[in-house]
Amino acid sequence: MIRTDAPDTGPPKGGHYVPPPEGGSHVRRGWLPGVTTQIFIGLVLGILIGDFAPAFSQQIRPLADAFLRLIRMILAPLLFSTLVIGIAGTGDLKATGRIGLKAIIYFEVATTIALFIGLALVNIFQPGAGVTLQADTKTLGALAAPQTGWDIFLHLFPTSVIDSMARGDILQVVVFSTFFGVALAAIGPRAKPVIEMLDSTALAMFKVTGYVMLFAPIGVFAAIAATVGGKGLGILFTLGKLVAIMYVGLAIFVLLVVGGVSLIVRVPFVSFVKAIREPFLIAFSTASSEAALPKSMEIMERFGVPKHIVSFVLPTGYSFNLDGTTLYLSLATVFVAQLAGVHLSPGRQIVMMLTLMLTSKGVAGVPRAALVVLTATITQFDLPLEGAAILLGIDQILDMGRTSVNVMGNCLATVVVARWEGVFDDARMRAFTAGESARAA
């Protein structure tokens, strides 16, 4: 559902209102730099203060804690409203038909593979090892306690969603939201008042998130200053390792998954990459999927995908097929655990993967969505929130890579669904490829 009184921000994602990038207005506010620039300035100042005034940097840690509390404050209502709206808008298979079902199946397979790639890389290279953040001893004991498969299974289901929200048990909130969203989709027109109310709630929470993110530069400044002051400049090398590993993971995903799927659907990989290079570069340079959406839709129609599939799969994929983001989230969550010196067993990591698969759906339009989902996940596993604040300082560098891979994955999804439906136009693909080659020559 789209709010008619909301600002024009382009096509919806997953059926709900999408705010402007970074939760701000489309109008620049005088001479003030953008939030990303402010965060970078806060990062640099925090490093300097932490190195030259370590005692003072420890005293300003509460500023970082206050920012992280604000993030936790918005998690439950934000995820509940956006997930329910997203599921209610696309969960009725009678309405969405075969295309919706096939798209969702492909989305889940692709994002699951991305999560496994991220988990494999972070466990092999362990970029967070050696620099330990403070962790609650009670938390460490709880994580070390053995859990049976039935314990993990039963933990999925809340006895009270209010209690789950109060405790910050995001996985249980997601499970309830899924049931609630499917129920709204099933009862049809009678659900309209509830959907409209939740749409307004989602809109309000987007706004609140935007307000909270205004404090991000202060939170990053305090968090990185306290960390550098306490751990030394070695933490910067650790963050650099995470950036390098994430880009290696994205490259592996593109070569193995995008390349492999291209082969399966009989689309030349090189031709596909050349076709989407413009929306890919737009996404990489702006770190905004929204900026690349119009060009992506135009290119994929010219590439041979029918318009009705492009117009459904691409916007839906912006909420349900975030390949680059999910790969990053699996890396980042275990990275924070490594910083905290917390060992996550394979079983715990599988539960974490399930949490990420669910919490990453429907919040693509949220400012700094990866931070919101990451915070939700590490809250679920009682890991130190300080790790999320530190990662926010390098989020722009990370966001460029994961956003461009998100766009590439969604463009490929339109081809997969079109081929699966038997309506992909090979002649148009060949004509488009020939035209692009001639123009390049």
Protein backbone atom coordinates (compact mmCIF):
# COMPACT_ATOMS: atom_id res chain seq x y z
CA MET A 1 0.00 0.00 0.00
CA ILE A 2 1.22 3.50 -0.84
CA ARG A 3 0.33 6.52 1.21
CA THR A 4 -1.18 9.19 -1.05
CA ASP A 5 -0.06 11.94 1.31
CA ALA A 6 3.54 10.76 1.36
CA PRO A 7 6.30 12.43 -0.68
CA ASP A 8 7.01 10.98 -4.10
CA THR A 9 9.90 8.61 -3.55
CA GLY A 10 9.57 6.29 -6.53
CA PRO A 11 8.13 2.79 -6.80
CA PRO A 12 7.18 0.89 -3.67
CA LYS A 13 9.15 -2.05 -2.38
CA GLY A 14 7.25 -5.04 -1.11
CA GLY A 15 3.96 -3.10 -1.17
CA HIS A 16 4.75 -0.45 1.42
CA TYR A 17 5.87 3.13 1.46
CA VAL A 18 9.54 3.74 0.83
CA PRO A 19 11.15 6.76 2.51
CA PRO A 20 13.81 8.95 0.94
CA PRO A 21 17.40 7.65 1.13
CA GLU A 22 18.82 7.81 4.66
CA GLY A 23 15.45 8.86 6.01
CA GLY A 24 15.96 12.48 5.09
CA SER A 25 14.20 14.88 2.80
CA HIS A 26 14.88 15.12 -0.90
CA VAL A 27 15.62 18.81 -0.28
CA ARG A 28 19.09 19.67 1.00
CA ARG A 29 19.17 21.51 4.30
CA GLY A 30 21.34 24.51 3.59
CA TRP A 31 25.08 24.04 4.02
CA LEU A 32 24.92 20.97 6.26
CA PRO A 33 26.64 17.90 4.75
CA GLY A 34 24.69 14.70 4.26
CA VAL A 35 24.40 12.07 6.97
CA THR A 36 26.98 9.85 5.27
CA THR A 37 29.52 12.70 5.24
CA GLN A 38 28.73 13.51 8.86
CA ILE A 39 29.24 9.87 9.83
CA PHE A 40 32.60 9.82 8.05
CA ILE A 41 33.63 13.02 9.84
CA GLY A 42 32.54 11.47 13.14
CA LEU A 43 34.57 8.36 12.33
CA VAL A 44 37.75 10.35 11.63
CA LEU A 45 37.33 12.56 14.70
CA GLY A 46 36.63 9.51 16.85
CA ILE A 47 39.85 7.83 15.68
CA LEU A 48 41.85 10.97 16.46
CA ILE A 49 40.29 11.50 19.88
CA GLY A 50 40.64 7.82 20.76
CA ASP A 51 44.34 7.85 19.84
CA PHE A 52 45.32 11.18 21.41
CA ALA A 53 42.95 11.30 24.40
CA PRO A 54 42.15 7.71 25.42
CA ALA A 55 40.97 8.66 28.91
CA PHE A 56 38.49 11.23 27.56
CA SER A 57 37.30 8.77 24.89
CA GLN A 58 36.23 6.34 27.61
CA GLN A 59 34.21 9.06 29.35
CA ILE A 60 32.08 9.75 26.24
CA ARG A 61 31.11 6.10 25.73
CA PRO A 62 27.56 6.79 27.10
CA LEU A 63 26.88 8.83 23.94
CA ALA A 64 27.38 5.67 21.88
CA ASP A 65 25.24 3.67 24.31
CA ALA A 66 22.44 6.23 24.03
CA PHE A 67 22.45 5.97 20.23
CA LEU A 68 22.32 2.18 20.40
CA ARG A 69 19.41 2.34 22.84
CA LEU A 70 17.56 4.51 20.34
CA ILE A 71 18.16 1.87 17.67
CA ARG A 72 16.82 -0.87 19.95
CA MET A 73 13.80 1.30 20.74
CA ILE A 74 12.59 1.26 17.13
CA LEU A 75 13.31 -2.38 16.28
CA ALA A 76 10.14 -4.22 17.32
CA PRO A 77 7.50 -1.80 15.96
CA LEU A 78 9.52 -1.17 12.81
CA LEU A 79 10.04 -4.83 11.94
CA PHE A 80 6.48 -5.78 12.89
CA SER A 81 4.80 -3.11 10.75
CA THR A 82 7.06 -3.45 7.70
CA LEU A 83 7.02 -7.26 7.68
CA VAL A 84 3.25 -7.50 8.05
CA ILE A 85 2.68 -4.95 5.27
CA GLY A 86 5.18 -6.71 3.00
CA ILE A 87 3.69 -10.15 3.57
CA ALA A 88 0.09 -8.95 3.36
CA GLY A 89 0.89 -7.28 0.04
CA THR A 90 2.59 -10.28 -1.57
CA GLY A 91 1.60 -13.29 0.54
CA ASP A 92 -1.72 -14.10 -1.19
CA LEU A 93 -0.64 -16.67 -3.74
CA LYS A 94 -4.10 -16.60 -5.37
CA ALA A 95 -3.52 -12.96 -6.19
CA THR A 96 0.15 -13.13 -7.08
CA GLY A 97 -0.19 -16.45 -8.93
CA ARG A 98 2.62 -18.53 -10.27
CA ILE A 99 4.92 -15.58 -10.79
CA GLY A 100 4.84 -14.62 -7.12
CA LEU A 101 5.44 -18.18 -5.96
CA LYS A 102 8.33 -18.76 -8.35
CA ALA A 103 9.90 -15.41 -7.52
CA ILE A 104 9.74 -16.06 -3.76
CA ILE A 105 11.24 -19.55 -4.19
CA TYR A 106 14.14 -18.13 -6.17
CA PHE A 107 14.61 -15.26 -3.72
CA GLU A 108 14.89 -17.63 -0.77
CA VAL A 109 17.35 -19.95 -2.53
CA ALA A 110 19.58 -17.07 -3.62
CA THR A 111 19.64 -15.32 -0.24
CA THR A 112 20.28 -18.60 1.58
CA ILE A 113 23.32 -19.27 -0.60
CA ALA A 114 24.54 -15.72 0.08
CA LEU A 115 24.20 -16.32 3.83
CA PHE A 116 26.17 -19.56 3.63
CA ILE A 117 28.96 -17.86 1.66
CA GLY A 118 29.19 -15.14 4.30
CA LEU A 119 29.20 -17.65 7.16
CA ALA A 120 31.87 -19.77 5.48
CA LEU A 121 34.21 -16.82 4.88
CA VAL A 122 33.86 -15.32 8.35
CA ASN A 123 34.48 -18.71 10.00
CA ILE A 124 37.49 -19.48 7.80
CA PHE A 125 39.27 -16.13 8.04
CA GLN A 126 37.93 -14.95 11.45
CA PRO A 127 38.50 -11.22 10.86
CA GLY A 128 37.23 -10.29 14.34
CA ALA A 129 39.58 -12.55 16.27
CA GLY A 130 42.23 -10.92 18.42
CA VAL A 131 40.41 -7.66 19.28
CA THR A 132 37.97 -8.33 22.10
CA LEU A 133 35.04 -6.10 22.99
CA GLN A 134 33.53 -6.28 26.45
CA ALA A 135 30.78 -8.90 26.70
CA ASP A 136 28.38 -9.69 29.53
CA THR A 137 29.53 -12.76 31.46
CA LYS A 138 25.90 -13.80 31.89
CA THR A 139 25.54 -13.64 28.12
CA LEU A 140 28.62 -15.78 27.60
CA GLY A 141 27.22 -18.38 29.96
CA ALA A 142 23.86 -18.40 28.21
CA LEU A 143 25.48 -18.82 24.81
CA ALA A 144 27.66 -21.63 26.08
CA ALA A 145 24.69 -23.53 27.51
CA PRO A 146 23.86 -26.56 25.34
CA GLN A 147 20.61 -26.43 23.41
CA THR A 148 18.83 -29.35 21.83
CA GLY A 149 17.13 -29.16 18.44
CA TRP A 150 13.75 -29.07 20.18
CA ASP A 151 14.89 -26.16 22.36
CA ILE A 152 15.76 -24.17 19.25
CA PHE A 153 12.48 -25.16 17.59
CA LEU A 154 10.33 -24.19 20.56
CA HIS A 155 12.12 -20.89 20.93
CA LEU A 156 10.74 -19.81 17.55
CA PHE A 157 7.20 -19.54 18.91
CA PRO A 158 6.26 -16.79 21.37
CA THR A 159 3.81 -17.30 24.20
CA SER A 160 3.19 -13.55 24.11
CA VAL A 161 4.30 -11.25 21.32
CA ILE A 162 4.21 -8.31 23.76
CA ASP A 163 6.67 -10.13 26.01
CA SER A 164 8.84 -10.92 22.98
CA MET A 165 8.90 -7.25 21.98
CA ALA A 166 9.74 -6.19 25.54
CA ARG A 167 12.62 -8.66 25.74
CA GLY A 168 13.85 -7.78 22.25
CA ASP A 169 13.38 -11.35 21.03
CA ILE A 170 13.23 -10.36 17.38
CA LEU A 171 12.97 -13.87 15.96
CA GLN A 172 9.72 -14.47 17.86
CA VAL A 173 8.41 -11.09 16.70
CA VAL A 174 9.18 -12.09 13.11
CA VAL A 175 7.37 -15.43 13.48
CA PHE A 176 4.28 -13.70 14.84
CA SER A 177 4.48 -11.04 12.10
CA THR A 178 4.61 -13.76 9.45
CA PHE A 179 1.45 -15.46 10.77
CA PHE A 180 -0.30 -12.11 11.12
CA GLY A 181 0.65 -10.97 7.61
CA VAL A 182 -0.51 -14.21 6.01
CA ALA A 183 -3.79 -14.00 7.97
CA LEU A 184 -4.40 -10.46 6.69
CA ALA A 185 -3.74 -11.59 3.14
CA ALA A 186 -6.16 -14.50 3.60
CA ILE A 187 -9.14 -12.47 4.84
CA GLY A 188 -8.98 -10.14 1.84
CA PRO A 189 -10.79 -6.76 1.74
CA ARG A 190 -11.84 -6.94 5.39
CA ALA A 191 -8.17 -6.59 6.34
CA LYS A 192 -7.93 -3.17 4.68
CA PRO A 193 -8.43 -1.09 7.88
CA VAL A 194 -5.71 -3.05 9.71
CA ILE A 195 -3.33 -2.81 6.75
CA GLU A 196 -3.93 0.94 6.50
CA MET A 197 -3.24 1.34 10.21
CA LEU A 198 -0.02 -0.68 9.96
CA ASP A 199 0.96 1.23 6.84
CA SER A 200 0.64 4.45 8.84
CA THR A 201 2.64 2.83 11.65
CA ALA A 202 5.37 1.84 9.20
CA LEU A 203 5.41 5.37 7.80
CA ALA A 204 5.74 6.81 11.30
CA MET A 205 8.51 4.36 12.18
CA PHE A 206 10.41 5.28 9.02
CA LYS A 207 10.21 8.87 10.20
CA VAL A 208 11.36 7.95 13.71
CA THR A 209 14.24 5.97 12.20
CA GLY A 210 15.20 9.04 10.22
CA TYR A 211 15.24 11.09 13.41
CA VAL A 212 17.32 8.48 15.21
CA MET A 213 19.83 8.37 12.35
CA LEU A 214 20.46 12.08 12.81
CA PHE A 215 22.34 11.05 15.96
CA ALA A 216 24.42 8.47 14.05
CA PRO A 217 27.48 10.73 13.60
CA ILE A 218 27.61 11.33 17.38
CA GLY A 219 27.12 7.64 18.10
CA VAL A 220 29.85 6.63 15.64
CA PHE A 221 32.20 9.30 17.01
CA ALA A 222 31.77 8.11 20.60
CA ALA A 223 31.87 4.39 19.75
CA ILE A 224 35.00 4.50 17.61
CA ALA A 225 36.74 6.89 20.03
CA ALA A 226 36.05 4.60 22.99
CA THR A 227 37.11 1.54 21.00
CA VAL A 228 40.35 3.04 19.66
CA GLY A 229 41.08 4.53 23.09
CA GLY A 230 40.63 1.15 24.74
CA LYS A 231 41.96 -1.21 22.04
CA GLY A 232 44.40 0.92 20.07
CA LEU A 233 44.62 1.56 16.33
CA GLY A 234 44.75 -2.19 15.67
CA ILE A 235 40.94 -2.17 15.48
CA LEU A 236 41.21 -0.29 12.17
CA PHE A 237 43.18 -3.16 10.64
CA THR A 238 40.48 -5.52 11.88
CA LEU A 239 37.76 -3.46 10.17
CA GLY A 240 39.83 -3.40 6.98
CA LYS A 241 39.93 -7.19 7.00
CA LEU A 242 36.13 -7.30 7.23
CA VAL A 243 35.78 -4.97 4.22
CA ALA A 244 38.19 -7.08 2.17
CA ILE A 245 36.47 -10.34 3.10
CA MET A 246 33.04 -8.93 2.25
CA TYR A 247 34.13 -7.87 -1.22
CA VAL A 248 35.74 -11.28 -1.78
CA GLY A 249 32.44 -12.87 -0.73
CA LEU A 250 30.46 -10.66 -3.11
CA ALA A 251 32.82 -11.60 -5.95
CA ILE A 252 32.38 -15.30 -5.15
CA PHE A 253 28.60 -14.87 -5.13
CA VAL A 254 28.62 -13.12 -8.50
CA LEU A 255 30.89 -15.69 -10.14
CA LEU A 256 29.35 -18.85 -8.66
CA VAL A 257 25.70 -17.98 -8.17
CA VAL A 258 24.98 -15.30 -10.78
CA GLY A 259 27.27 -17.02 -13.28
CA GLY A 260 25.85 -20.47 -12.50
CA VAL A 261 22.22 -19.36 -12.67
CA SER A 262 22.92 -17.55 -15.95
CA LEU A 263 24.20 -20.83 -17.36
CA ILE A 264 21.12 -22.70 -16.11
CA VAL A 265 18.66 -20.22 -17.65
CA ARG A 266 20.67 -20.13 -20.90
CA VAL A 267 21.66 -16.48 -20.77
CA PRO A 268 25.31 -15.64 -21.55
CA PHE A 269 26.86 -14.37 -18.33
CA VAL A 270 29.06 -11.78 -20.04
CA SER A 271 26.13 -10.46 -22.06
CA PHE A 272 24.02 -10.16 -18.92
CA VAL A 273 26.75 -8.32 -17.03
CA LYS A 274 27.27 -5.91 -19.94
CA ALA A 275 23.52 -5.31 -20.15
CA ILE A 276 23.14 -4.29 -16.49
CA ARG A 277 26.42 -2.41 -16.14
CA GLU A 278 24.69 0.98 -16.03
CA PRO A 279 22.23 0.24 -13.17
CA PHE A 280 25.03 -1.69 -11.43
CA LEU A 281 27.34 1.34 -11.53
CA ILE A 282 24.53 3.67 -10.45
CA ALA A 283 23.89 1.46 -7.42
CA PHE A 284 27.60 1.21 -6.59
CA SER A 285 28.28 4.94 -6.86
CA THR A 286 25.16 6.08 -4.99
CA ALA A 287 24.77 3.09 -2.61
CA SER A 288 21.05 3.37 -3.45
CA SER A 289 18.95 0.61 -4.99
CA GLU A 290 16.16 3.13 -5.59
CA ALA A 291 18.38 5.22 -7.85
CA ALA A 292 19.05 2.20 -10.05
CA LEU A 293 15.45 0.91 -10.22
CA PRO A 294 14.13 2.89 -13.23
CA LYS A 295 17.13 2.01 -15.38
CA SER A 296 17.01 -1.62 -14.23
CA MET A 297 13.37 -1.93 -15.32
CA GLU A 298 14.09 -0.35 -18.70
CA ILE A 299 17.14 -2.54 -19.36
CA MET A 300 15.48 -5.82 -18.38
CA GLU A 301 12.47 -5.15 -20.63
CA ARG A 302 14.81 -4.46 -23.55
CA PHE A 303 16.79 -7.58 -22.60
CA GLY A 304 13.77 -9.80 -23.26
CA VAL A 305 11.85 -10.01 -19.98
CA PRO A 306 8.10 -9.23 -20.33
CA LYS A 307 7.00 -6.00 -18.71
CA HIS A 308 4.52 -7.63 -16.30
CA ILE A 309 7.28 -9.80 -14.85
CA VAL A 310 9.75 -6.92 -14.59
CA SER A 311 7.21 -4.67 -12.88
CA PHE A 312 6.40 -7.35 -10.30
CA VAL A 313 9.71 -9.14 -9.65
CA LEU A 314 12.05 -6.14 -9.45
CA PRO A 315 10.15 -4.09 -6.80
CA THR A 316 9.33 -7.24 -4.83
CA GLY A 317 12.97 -8.30 -4.95
CA TYR A 318 13.95 -5.03 -3.32
CA SER A 319 12.36 -6.37 -0.13
CA PHE A 320 12.82 -10.13 -0.49
CA ASN A 321 16.00 -10.65 -2.55
CA LEU A 322 18.81 -8.68 -0.93
CA ASP A 323 21.68 -11.00 -1.84
CA GLY A 324 24.53 -8.59 -1.08
CA THR A 325 22.93 -7.39 2.14
CA THR A 326 22.28 -10.88 3.51
CA LEU A 327 25.84 -11.96 2.72
CA TYR A 328 27.12 -8.91 4.61
CA LEU A 329 24.80 -9.51 7.57
CA SER A 330 26.02 -13.08 8.09
CA LEU A 331 29.60 -11.80 7.98
CA ALA A 332 28.94 -8.88 10.29
CA THR A 333 27.00 -10.81 12.94
CA VAL A 334 29.67 -13.47 13.41
CA PHE A 335 32.32 -10.73 13.19
CA VAL A 336 30.74 -8.98 16.18
CA ALA A 337 30.64 -12.31 18.04
CA GLN A 338 34.35 -12.79 17.32
CA LEU A 339 35.09 -9.29 18.61
CA ALA A 340 33.22 -10.18 21.80
CA GLY A 341 35.11 -13.45 22.15
CA VAL A 342 31.83 -15.40 21.90
CA HIS A 343 31.97 -18.78 20.22
CA LEU A 344 28.84 -19.51 18.19
CA SER A 345 28.31 -23.22 17.65
CA PRO A 346 27.18 -24.46 14.22
CA GLY A 347 23.66 -24.87 15.63
CA ARG A 348 23.59 -21.30 16.90
CA GLN A 349 24.84 -20.06 13.54
CA ILE A 350 22.05 -21.93 11.76
CA VAL A 351 19.52 -20.24 14.03
CA MET A 352 21.25 -16.95 13.32
CA MET A 353 20.96 -17.60 9.59
CA LEU A 354 17.24 -18.26 9.98
CA THR A 355 16.89 -15.01 11.92
CA LEU A 356 18.68 -13.09 9.18
CA MET A 357 16.57 -14.69 6.45
CA LEU A 358 13.44 -13.41 8.19
CA THR A 359 14.51 -10.05 9.63
CA SER A 360 16.06 -8.88 6.35
CA LYS A 361 12.68 -9.08 4.62
CA GLY A 362 10.57 -5.97 4.30
CA VAL A 363 12.94 -3.37 5.72
CA ALA A 364 14.83 -2.53 2.53
CA GLY A 365 13.38 0.99 2.59
CA VAL A 366 14.56 1.68 6.12
CA PRO A 367 17.42 4.19 6.41
CA ARG A 368 20.59 2.21 7.12
CA ALA A 369 18.53 -0.97 6.85
CA ALA A 370 21.57 -3.21 7.32
CA LEU A 371 22.30 -1.55 10.67
CA VAL A 372 18.70 -2.08 11.81
CA VAL A 373 18.73 -5.77 10.85
CA LEU A 374 22.23 -6.28 12.27
CA THR A 375 21.22 -4.66 15.56
CA ALA A 376 18.10 -6.84 15.70
CA THR A 377 20.15 -9.99 15.16
CA ILE A 378 22.93 -9.27 17.65
CA THR A 379 20.25 -8.26 20.15
CA GLN A 380 18.66 -11.66 19.59
CA PHE A 381 22.00 -13.31 20.40
CA ASP A 382 22.88 -10.93 23.27
CA LEU A 383 26.06 -9.72 21.61
CA PRO A 384 27.54 -6.27 22.38
CA LEU A 385 25.80 -3.51 20.45
CA GLU A 386 29.05 -1.58 20.38
CA GLY A 387 30.06 -3.75 17.42
CA ALA A 388 27.15 -2.43 15.35
CA ALA A 389 28.12 1.17 16.10
CA ILE A 390 31.71 0.52 15.02
CA LEU A 391 30.56 -1.03 11.74
CA LEU A 392 28.38 1.99 11.02
CA GLY A 393 31.57 4.00 10.63
CA ILE A 394 32.56 2.01 7.53
CA ASP A 395 29.02 1.32 6.39
CA GLN A 396 29.24 3.51 3.28
CA ILE A 397 32.14 1.46 1.89
CA LEU A 398 30.27 -1.75 2.65
CA ASP A 399 26.97 -0.40 1.34
CA MET A 400 28.34 0.37 -2.13
CA GLY A 401 29.30 -3.25 -2.74
CA ARG A 402 26.26 -4.94 -1.24
CA THR A 403 23.77 -2.56 -2.93
CA SER A 404 25.23 -3.12 -6.40
CA VAL A 405 25.06 -6.91 -5.91
CA ASN A 406 21.46 -6.53 -4.70
CA VAL A 407 20.61 -4.82 -8.00
CA MET A 408 22.43 -7.46 -10.04
CA GLY A 409 20.63 -10.27 -8.20
CA ASN A 410 17.22 -8.71 -8.74
CA CYS A 411 17.86 -8.16 -12.45
CA LEU A 412 18.82 -11.82 -12.77
CA ALA A 413 15.69 -12.82 -10.84
CA THR A 414 13.50 -11.31 -13.58
CA VAL A 415 15.28 -13.47 -16.16
CA VAL A 416 14.91 -16.59 -14.01
CA VAL A 417 11.17 -16.10 -13.53
CA ALA A 418 10.61 -15.24 -17.19
CA ARG A 419 12.50 -18.35 -18.32
CA TRP A 420 10.65 -20.45 -15.72
CA GLU A 421 7.35 -19.14 -17.11
CA GLY A 422 8.52 -19.86 -20.66
CA VAL A 423 8.08 -16.24 -21.80
CA PHE A 424 11.69 -15.02 -22.02
CA ASP A 425 12.35 -13.51 -25.47
CA ASP A 426 15.69 -14.85 -26.69
CA ALA A 427 15.40 -12.91 -29.93
CA ARG A 428 15.13 -9.61 -28.05
CA MET A 429 18.10 -10.60 -25.88
CA ARG A 430 20.23 -11.31 -28.95
CA ALA A 431 19.12 -8.07 -30.61
CA PHE A 432 19.84 -6.09 -27.46
CA THR A 433 23.27 -7.69 -27.05
CA ALA A 434 24.11 -7.06 -30.72
CA GLY A 435 23.01 -3.45 -30.45
CA GLU A 436 25.10 -2.87 -27.33
CA SER A 437 28.15 -4.46 -28.98
CA ALA A 438 27.69 -2.30 -32.09
CA ARG A 439 27.33 0.84 -29.98
CA ALA A 440 30.47 -0.02 -28.00
CA ALA A 441 32.39 -0.54 -31.26
